């Protein structure tokens, strides 16, 4: 059964296994778990993106970042 509430936008990301593992560890540390007890990395990423939208200055990029469009 689908969850109740507003639709959430779908965002696709490619990540290395190490990045996924780090997100899972952080989700567990922040008690962001699914009903089945699994790390909820999707919810963690939604929180991180919302934080960045509110606080990250326009034009900011990580050091060494390169656009690969």
PDB file of N, CA and C in Angstrom:
ATOM      1  N   UNK A   1       0.840  -1.178   0.000  1.00  0.00           N
ATOM      2  CA  UNK A   1       0.000   0.000   0.000  1.00  0.00           C
ATOM      3  C   UNK A   1       0.884   1.239   0.000  1.00  0.00           C
ATOM      4  N   UNK A   2       0.600   2.209  -0.876  1.00  0.00           N
ATOM      5  CA  UNK A   2       1.413   3.428  -0.910  1.00  0.00           C
ATOM      6  C   UNK A   2       1.262   4.220   0.385  1.00  0.00           C
ATOM      7  N   UNK A   3       2.300   4.974   0.698  1.00  0.00           N
ATOM      8  CA  UNK A   3       2.235   5.796   1.905  1.00  0.00           C
ATOM      9  C   UNK A   3       1.276   6.951   1.688  1.00  0.00           C
ATOM     10  N   UNK A   4       0.724   7.469   2.763  1.00  0.00           N
ATOM     11  CA  UNK A   4      -0.176   8.616   2.654  1.00  0.00           C
ATOM     12  C   UNK A   4       0.650   9.897   2.621  1.00  0.00           C
ATOM     13  N   UNK A   5       0.033  10.979   2.216  1.00  0.00           N
ATOM     14  CA  UNK A   5       0.726  12.266   2.185  1.00  0.00           C
ATOM     15  C   UNK A   5       1.062  12.686   0.774  1.00  0.00           C
ATOM     16  N   UNK A   6       1.715  13.835   0.658  1.00  0.00           N
ATOM     17  CA  UNK A   6       2.029  14.362  -0.674  1.00  0.00           C
ATOM     18  C   UNK A   6       3.055  13.495  -1.405  1.00  0.00           C
ATOM     19  N   UNK A   7       3.006  13.550  -2.737  1.00  0.00           N
ATOM     20  CA  UNK A   7       3.991  12.826  -3.549  1.00  0.00           C
ATOM     21  C   UNK A   7       5.357  13.438  -3.337  1.00  0.00           C
ATOM     22  N   UNK A   8       6.351  12.606  -3.324  1.00  0.00           N
ATOM     23  CA  UNK A   8       7.721  13.092  -3.188  1.00  0.00           C
ATOM     24  C   UNK A   8       8.376  13.063  -4.557  1.00  0.00           C
ATOM     25  N   UNK A   9       9.192  14.073  -4.865  1.00  0.00           N
ATOM     26  CA  UNK A   9       9.878  14.053  -6.161  1.00  0.00           C
ATOM     27  C   UNK A   9      10.885  12.906  -6.219  1.00  0.00           C
ATOM     28  N   UNK A  10      11.048  12.334  -7.401  1.00  0.00           N
ATOM     29  CA  UNK A  10      11.993  11.242  -7.593  1.00  0.00           C
ATOM     30  C   UNK A  10      13.323  11.832  -8.041  1.00  0.00           C
ATOM     31  N   UNK A  11      14.384  11.428  -7.373  1.00  0.00           N
ATOM     32  CA  UNK A  11      15.730  11.884  -7.701  1.00  0.00           C
ATOM     33  C   UNK A  11      16.595  10.644  -7.867  1.00  0.00           C
ATOM     34  N   UNK A  12      17.303  10.549  -8.971  1.00  0.00           N
ATOM     35  CA  UNK A  12      18.187   9.414  -9.195  1.00  0.00           C
ATOM     36  C   UNK A  12      19.641   9.812  -8.997  1.00  0.00           C
ATOM     37  N   UNK A  13      20.397   9.004  -8.281  1.00  0.00           N
ATOM     38  CA  UNK A  13      21.814   9.259  -8.032  1.00  0.00           C
ATOM     39  C   UNK A  13      22.609   7.993  -8.300  1.00  0.00           C
ATOM     40  N   UNK A  14      23.800   8.169  -8.826  1.00  0.00           N
ATOM     41  CA  UNK A  14      24.732   7.048  -8.952  1.00  0.00           C
ATOM     42  C   UNK A  14      25.762   7.203  -7.846  1.00  0.00           C
ATOM     43  N   UNK A  15      25.953   6.137  -7.087  1.00  0.00           N
ATOM     44  CA  UNK A  15      26.902   6.196  -5.981  1.00  0.00           C
ATOM     45  C   UNK A  15      27.705   4.908  -5.927  1.00  0.00           C
ATOM     46  N   UNK A  16      28.945   5.048  -5.483  1.00  0.00           N
ATOM     47  CA  UNK A  16      29.793   3.878  -5.263  1.00  0.00           C
ATOM     48  C   UNK A  16      29.305   3.147  -4.013  1.00  0.00           C
ATOM     49  N   UNK A  17      29.662   1.885  -3.907  1.00  0.00           N
ATOM     50  CA  UNK A  17      29.264   1.086  -2.746  1.00  0.00           C
ATOM     51  C   UNK A  17      29.690   1.739  -1.437  1.00  0.00           C
ATOM     52  N   UNK A  18      30.879   2.363  -1.429  1.00  0.00           N
ATOM     53  CA  UNK A  18      31.376   3.010  -0.213  1.00  0.00           C
ATOM     54  C   UNK A  18      30.488   4.189   0.182  1.00  0.00           C
ATOM     55  N   UNK A  19      29.991   4.930  -0.801  1.00  0.00           N
ATOM     56  CA  UNK A  19      29.111   6.063  -0.517  1.00  0.00           C
ATOM     57  C   UNK A  19      27.776   5.581   0.048  1.00  0.00           C
ATOM     58  N   UNK A  20      27.248   4.511  -0.522  1.00  0.00           N
ATOM     59  CA  UNK A  20      25.988   3.947  -0.032  1.00  0.00           C
ATOM     60  C   UNK A  20      26.162   3.452   1.401  1.00  0.00           C
ATOM     61  N   UNK A  21      27.269   2.782   1.663  1.00  0.00           N
ATOM     62  CA  UNK A  21      27.535   2.283   3.013  1.00  0.00           C
ATOM     63  C   UNK A  21      27.632   3.436   4.014  1.00  0.00           C
ATOM     64  N   UNK A  22      28.296   4.524   3.621  1.00  0.00           N
ATOM     65  CA  UNK A  22      28.417   5.687   4.511  1.00  0.00           C
ATOM     66  C   UNK A  22      27.046   6.303   4.788  1.00  0.00           C
ATOM     67  N   UNK A  23      26.191   6.383   3.768  1.00  0.00           N
ATOM     68  CA  UNK A  23      24.840   6.911   3.978  1.00  0.00           C
ATOM     69  C   UNK A  23      24.029   6.000   4.895  1.00  0.00           C
ATOM     70  N   UNK A  24      24.149   4.697   4.702  1.00  0.00           N
ATOM     71  CA  UNK A  24      23.438   3.749   5.562  1.00  0.00           C
ATOM     72  C   UNK A  24      23.883   3.896   7.017  1.00  0.00           C
ATOM     73  N   UNK A  25      25.184   4.030   7.234  1.00  0.00           N
ATOM     74  CA  UNK A  25      25.701   4.198   8.595  1.00  0.00           C
ATOM     75  C   UNK A  25      25.163   5.479   9.226  1.00  0.00           C
ATOM     76  N   UNK A  26      25.122   6.550   8.451  1.00  0.00           N
ATOM     77  CA  UNK A  26      24.613   7.819   8.979  1.00  0.00           C
ATOM     78  C   UNK A  26      23.112   7.723   9.258  1.00  0.00           C
ATOM     79  N   UNK A  27      22.370   7.069   8.375  1.00  0.00           N
ATOM     80  CA  UNK A  27      20.928   6.904   8.594  1.00  0.00           C
ATOM     81  C   UNK A  27      20.673   6.134   9.887  1.00  0.00           C
ATOM     82  N   UNK A  28      21.443   5.093  10.135  1.00  0.00           N
ATOM     83  CA  UNK A  28      21.295   4.327  11.375  1.00  0.00           C
ATOM     84  C   UNK A  28      21.644   5.208  12.572  1.00  0.00           C
ATOM     85  N   UNK A  29      22.747   5.959  12.476  1.00  0.00           N
ATOM     86  CA  UNK A  29      23.172   6.831  13.577  1.00  0.00           C
ATOM     87  C   UNK A  29      22.118   7.888  13.891  1.00  0.00           C
ATOM     88  N   UNK A  30      21.392   8.334  12.869  1.00  0.00           N
ATOM     89  CA  UNK A  30      20.367   9.361  13.054  1.00  0.00           C
ATOM     90  C   UNK A  30      18.980   8.751  13.263  1.00  0.00           C
ATOM     91  N   UNK A  31      18.928   7.437  13.441  1.00  0.00           N
ATOM     92  CA  UNK A  31      17.679   6.708  13.696  1.00  0.00           C
ATOM     93  C   UNK A  31      16.656   6.903  12.575  1.00  0.00           C
ATOM     94  N   UNK A  32      17.134   6.952  11.341  1.00  0.00           N
ATOM     95  CA  UNK A  32      16.260   7.029  10.166  1.00  0.00           C
ATOM     96  C   UNK A  32      16.146   5.620   9.593  1.00  0.00           C
ATOM     97  N   UNK A  33      15.144   4.894  10.068  1.00  0.00           N
ATOM     98  CA  UNK A  33      14.969   3.498   9.682  1.00  0.00           C
ATOM     99  C   UNK A  33      13.598   3.288   9.066  1.00  0.00           C
ATOM    100  N   UNK A  34      13.520   2.332   8.141  1.00  0.00           N
ATOM    101  CA  UNK A  34      12.235   1.954   7.566  1.00  0.00           C
ATOM    102  C   UNK A  34      11.457   1.145   8.599  1.00  0.00           C
ATOM    103  N   UNK A  35      10.207   0.849   8.285  1.00  0.00           N
ATOM    104  CA  UNK A  35       9.400   0.018   9.187  1.00  0.00           C
ATOM    105  C   UNK A  35      10.022  -1.358   9.371  1.00  0.00           C
ATOM    106  N   UNK A  36      10.775  -1.802   8.365  1.00  0.00           N
ATOM    107  CA  UNK A  36      11.448  -3.104   8.442  1.00  0.00           C
ATOM    108  C   UNK A  36      12.773  -3.021   9.201  1.00  0.00           C
ATOM    109  N   UNK A  37      13.151  -1.816   9.653  1.00  0.00           N
ATOM    110  CA  UNK A  37      14.384  -1.647  10.408  1.00  0.00           C
ATOM    111  C   UNK A  37      15.616  -1.413   9.563  1.00  0.00           C
ATOM    112  N   UNK A  38      15.444  -1.230   8.255  1.00  0.00           N
ATOM    113  CA  UNK A  38      16.568  -0.982   7.354  1.00  0.00           C
ATOM    114  C   UNK A  38      16.913   0.509   7.352  1.00  0.00           C
ATOM    115  N   UNK A  39      18.184   0.862   7.068  1.00  0.00           N
ATOM    116  CA  UNK A  39      18.546   2.277   6.969  1.00  0.00           C
ATOM    117  C   UNK A  39      17.740   2.948   5.857  1.00  0.00           C
ATOM    118  N   UNK A  40      17.177   4.108   6.146  1.00  0.00           N
ATOM    119  CA  UNK A  40      16.368   4.821   5.160  1.00  0.00           C
ATOM    120  C   UNK A  40      17.216   5.923   4.530  1.00  0.00           C
ATOM    121  N   UNK A  41      18.083   5.517   3.589  1.00  0.00           N
ATOM    122  CA  UNK A  41      18.975   6.499   2.963  1.00  0.00           C
ATOM    123  C   UNK A  41      18.199   7.493   2.112  1.00  0.00           C
ATOM    124  N   UNK A  42      17.050   7.105   1.577  1.00  0.00           N
ATOM    125  CA  UNK A  42      16.236   8.035   0.785  1.00  0.00           C
ATOM    126  C   UNK A  42      15.791   9.218   1.634  1.00  0.00           C
ATOM    127  N   UNK A  43      15.324   8.936   2.836  1.00  0.00           N
ATOM    128  CA  UNK A  43      14.885  10.020   3.725  1.00  0.00           C
ATOM    129  C   UNK A  43      16.071  10.882   4.137  1.00  0.00           C
ATOM    130  N   UNK A  44      17.211  10.264   4.400  1.00  0.00           N
ATOM    131  CA  UNK A  44      18.416  11.019   4.747  1.00  0.00           C
ATOM    132  C   UNK A  44      18.804  11.956   3.606  1.00  0.00           C
ATOM    133  N   UNK A  45      18.768  11.465   2.370  1.00  0.00           N
ATOM    134  CA  UNK A  45      19.106  12.310   1.226  1.00  0.00           C
ATOM    135  C   UNK A  45      18.104  13.443   1.051  1.00  0.00           C
ATOM    136  N   UNK A  46      16.816  13.191   1.290  1.00  0.00           N
ATOM    137  CA  UNK A  46      15.821  14.270   1.218  1.00  0.00           C
ATOM    138  C   UNK A  46      16.145  15.364   2.228  1.00  0.00           C
ATOM    139  N   UNK A  47      16.515  14.969   3.436  1.00  0.00           N
ATOM    140  CA  UNK A  47      16.872  15.935   4.475  1.00  0.00           C
ATOM    141  C   UNK A  47      18.108  16.725   4.056  1.00  0.00           C
ATOM    142  N   UNK A  48      19.114  16.040   3.533  1.00  0.00           N
ATOM    143  CA  UNK A  48      20.356  16.701   3.131  1.00  0.00           C
ATOM    144  C   UNK A  48      20.116  17.681   1.980  1.00  0.00           C
ATOM    145  N   UNK A  49      19.304  17.287   1.009  1.00  0.00           N
ATOM    146  CA  UNK A  49      19.012  18.168  -0.127  1.00  0.00           C
ATOM    147  C   UNK A  49      18.236  19.389   0.333  1.00  0.00           C
ATOM    148  N   UNK A  50      17.259  19.211   1.210  1.00  0.00           N
ATOM    149  CA  UNK A  50      16.489  20.346   1.721  1.00  0.00           C
ATOM    150  C   UNK A  50      17.396  21.304   2.489  1.00  0.00           C
ATOM    151  N   UNK A  51      18.295  20.766   3.287  1.00  0.00           N
ATOM    152  CA  UNK A  51      19.247  21.596   4.029  1.00  0.00           C
ATOM    153  C   UNK A  51      20.108  22.403   3.052  1.00  0.00           C
ATOM    154  N   UNK A  52      20.604  21.744   2.012  1.00  0.00           N
ATOM    155  CA  UNK A  52      21.439  22.428   1.023  1.00  0.00           C
ATOM    156  C   UNK A  52      20.656  23.513   0.286  1.00  0.00           C
ATOM    157  N   UNK A  53      19.403  23.238  -0.071  1.00  0.00           N
ATOM    158  CA  UNK A  53      18.586  24.235  -0.772  1.00  0.00           C
ATOM    159  C   UNK A  53      18.403  25.486   0.073  1.00  0.00           C
ATOM    160  N   UNK A  54      18.261  25.317   1.376  1.00  0.00           N
ATOM    161  CA  UNK A  54      18.012  26.446   2.262  1.00  0.00           C
ATOM    162  C   UNK A  54      19.275  27.217   2.620  1.00  0.00           C
ATOM    163  N   UNK A  55      20.439  26.556   2.652  1.00  0.00           N
ATOM    164  CA  UNK A  55      21.619  27.180   3.224  1.00  0.00           C
ATOM    165  C   UNK A  55      22.820  27.331   2.297  1.00  0.00           C
ATOM    166  N   UNK A  56      22.866  26.586   1.198  1.00  0.00           N
ATOM    167  CA  UNK A  56      24.037  26.624   0.332  1.00  0.00           C
ATOM    168  C   UNK A  56      24.021  27.882  -0.534  1.00  0.00           C
ATOM    169  N   UNK A  57      25.116  28.654  -0.528  1.00  0.00           N
ATOM    170  CA  UNK A  57      25.153  29.867  -1.353  1.00  0.00           C
ATOM    171  C   UNK A  57      25.101  29.532  -2.848  1.00  0.00           C
ATOM    172  N   UNK A  58      24.519  30.423  -3.636  1.00  0.00           N
ATOM    173  CA  UNK A  58      24.484  30.244  -5.088  1.00  0.00           C
ATOM    174  C   UNK A  58      25.904  30.124  -5.624  1.00  0.00           C
ATOM    175  N   UNK A  59      26.102  29.204  -6.538  1.00  0.00           N
ATOM    176  CA  UNK A  59      27.398  29.037  -7.180  1.00  0.00           C
ATOM    177  C   UNK A  59      28.409  28.222  -6.389  1.00  0.00           C
ATOM    178  N   UNK A  60      28.066  27.782  -5.177  1.00  0.00           N
ATOM    179  CA  UNK A  60      29.009  27.019  -4.366  1.00  0.00           C
ATOM    180  C   UNK A  60      29.264  25.659  -4.994  1.00  0.00           C
ATOM    181  N   UNK A  61      30.526  25.235  -4.996  1.00  0.00           N
ATOM    182  CA  UNK A  61      30.905  23.902  -5.459  1.00  0.00           C
ATOM    183  C   UNK A  61      31.987  23.361  -4.537  1.00  0.00           C
ATOM    184  N   UNK A  62      32.044  22.058  -4.322  1.00  0.00           N
ATOM    185  CA  UNK A  62      33.118  21.493  -3.504  1.00  0.00           C
ATOM    186  C   UNK A  62      34.471  21.718  -4.169  1.00  0.00           C
ATOM    187  N   UNK A  63      35.505  21.796  -3.373  1.00  0.00           N
ATOM    188  CA  UNK A  63      36.851  21.980  -3.902  1.00  0.00           C
ATOM    189  C   UNK A  63      37.191  20.828  -4.842  1.00  0.00           C
ATOM    190  N   UNK A  64      37.689  21.145  -6.027  1.00  0.00           N
ATOM    191  CA  UNK A  64      38.051  20.132  -7.008  1.00  0.00           C
ATOM    192  C   UNK A  64      36.895  19.638  -7.858  1.00  0.00           C
ATOM    193  N   UNK A  65      35.701  20.188  -7.640  1.00  0.00           N
ATOM    194  CA  UNK A  65      34.522  19.751  -8.384  1.00  0.00           C
ATOM    195  C   UNK A  65      34.658  20.118  -9.853  1.00  0.00           C
ATOM    196  N   UNK A  66      34.198  19.238 -10.737  1.00  0.00           N
ATOM    197  CA  UNK A  66      34.269  19.477 -12.179  1.00  0.00           C
ATOM    198  C   UNK A  66      32.978  18.995 -12.826  1.00  0.00           C
ATOM    199  N   UNK A  67      32.368  19.839 -13.643  1.00  0.00           N
ATOM    200  CA  UNK A  67      31.137  19.458 -14.339  1.00  0.00           C
ATOM    201  C   UNK A  67      31.458  18.449 -15.424  1.00  0.00           C
ATOM    202  N   UNK A  68      30.701  17.360 -15.466  1.00  0.00           N
ATOM    203  CA  UNK A  68      30.952  16.301 -16.455  1.00  0.00           C
ATOM    204  C   UNK A  68      29.700  16.003 -17.260  1.00  0.00           C
ATOM    205  N   UNK A  69      28.959  17.051 -17.631  1.00  0.00           N
ATOM    206  CA  UNK A  69      27.706  16.908 -18.354  1.00  0.00           C
ATOM    207  C   UNK A  69      27.852  16.213 -19.625  1.00  0.00           C
TER     208      UNK A  69
END
